[in-house]
């Protein structure tokens, strides 16, 4: 698990991805959140797939997004409030 990855604003997605986490995967999940958010953790899953854990800045909402490394179609999306 990688911690401490943050997004400065709603459009600064890829430049702050954790080392080794594909920018395309982070960008895809952050774009779907669509509000200012912070990446709390990134976890490699099976080969070529990542779990991106995102916390909204203005609420308690946390999203667990499973996405391929290339930023393709999101495979799983779980929201916790």
Protein backbone atom coordinates (compact mmCIF):
# COMPACT_ATOMS: atom_id res chain seq x y z
CA UNK A 1 0.00 0.00 0.00
CA UNK A 2 1.24 3.50 -0.80
CA UNK A 3 0.13 6.45 1.30
CA UNK A 4 0.46 10.20 1.14
CA UNK A 5 -0.38 10.76 -2.52
CA UNK A 6 -2.41 13.92 -3.00
CA UNK A 7 -3.98 15.98 -5.74
CA UNK A 8 -3.49 19.73 -5.54
CA UNK A 9 -6.70 20.55 -7.40
CA UNK A 10 -9.33 18.83 -9.47
CA UNK A 11 -7.16 18.76 -12.61
CA UNK A 12 -3.72 17.87 -11.28
CA UNK A 13 -4.22 14.14 -11.53
CA UNK A 14 -1.19 12.33 -12.83
CA UNK A 15 1.74 14.38 -11.58
CA UNK A 16 1.31 13.20 -7.99
CA UNK A 17 0.69 9.49 -8.53
CA UNK A 18 2.61 7.19 -6.21
CA UNK A 19 5.84 5.89 -7.68
CA UNK A 20 4.99 2.85 -9.80
CA UNK A 21 1.27 3.60 -10.00
CA UNK A 22 0.24 4.18 -13.62
CA UNK A 23 -0.92 7.77 -14.19
CA UNK A 24 -3.69 6.58 -16.50
CA UNK A 25 -5.23 4.45 -13.73
CA UNK A 26 -5.14 7.31 -11.21
CA UNK A 27 -6.53 9.79 -13.74
CA UNK A 28 -9.43 7.52 -14.69
CA UNK A 29 -10.57 7.12 -11.09
CA UNK A 30 -10.10 10.80 -10.19
CA UNK A 31 -12.05 11.89 -13.27
CA UNK A 32 -14.97 9.73 -12.17
CA UNK A 33 -14.96 11.29 -8.68
CA UNK A 34 -15.31 14.68 -10.43
CA UNK A 35 -14.68 16.79 -7.30
CA UNK A 36 -11.47 17.82 -5.52
CA UNK A 37 -10.08 14.68 -3.92
CA UNK A 38 -6.97 13.12 -2.43
CA UNK A 39 -5.55 9.74 -3.40
CA UNK A 40 -5.13 7.96 -0.06
CA UNK A 41 -3.60 4.73 -1.33
CA UNK A 42 -2.80 2.76 -4.45
CA UNK A 43 -2.59 -1.01 -4.37
CA UNK A 44 -1.43 -3.32 -7.16
CA UNK A 45 -3.90 -6.15 -7.69
CA UNK A 46 -3.61 -8.92 -10.24
CA UNK A 47 -1.14 -8.14 -13.05
CA UNK A 48 -2.12 -4.98 -14.92
CA UNK A 49 -4.81 -3.84 -12.45
CA UNK A 50 -4.81 -1.37 -9.58
CA UNK A 51 -7.02 -0.35 -6.68
CA UNK A 52 -7.05 3.42 -6.22
CA UNK A 53 -8.44 4.67 -2.88
CA UNK A 54 -9.70 8.26 -3.09
CA UNK A 55 -11.05 10.55 -0.36
CA UNK A 56 -13.13 13.59 -1.30
CA UNK A 57 -11.79 16.78 0.24
CA UNK A 58 -15.19 18.31 1.12
CA UNK A 59 -16.91 15.23 2.57
CA UNK A 60 -16.38 11.87 4.26
CA UNK A 61 -16.90 10.02 0.97
CA UNK A 62 -14.17 7.50 0.16
CA UNK A 63 -14.09 5.64 -3.15
CA UNK A 64 -12.36 2.34 -3.92
CA UNK A 65 -11.81 2.16 -7.67
CA UNK A 66 -10.45 -0.91 -9.48
CA UNK A 67 -9.06 -0.05 -12.89
CA UNK A 68 -6.61 -1.47 -15.45
CA UNK A 69 -3.16 0.13 -15.54
CA UNK A 70 -3.91 1.65 -18.96
CA UNK A 71 -6.87 3.64 -17.54
CA UNK A 72 -9.43 1.57 -19.42
CA UNK A 73 -12.93 0.79 -18.21
CA UNK A 74 -13.38 0.85 -14.42
CA UNK A 75 -14.02 -2.69 -13.21
CA UNK A 76 -15.27 -2.00 -9.68
CA UNK A 77 -16.42 1.11 -7.82
CA UNK A 78 -17.28 1.09 -4.11
CA UNK A 79 -18.29 4.22 -2.18
CA UNK A 80 -18.11 4.54 1.60
CA UNK A 81 -19.66 7.49 3.43
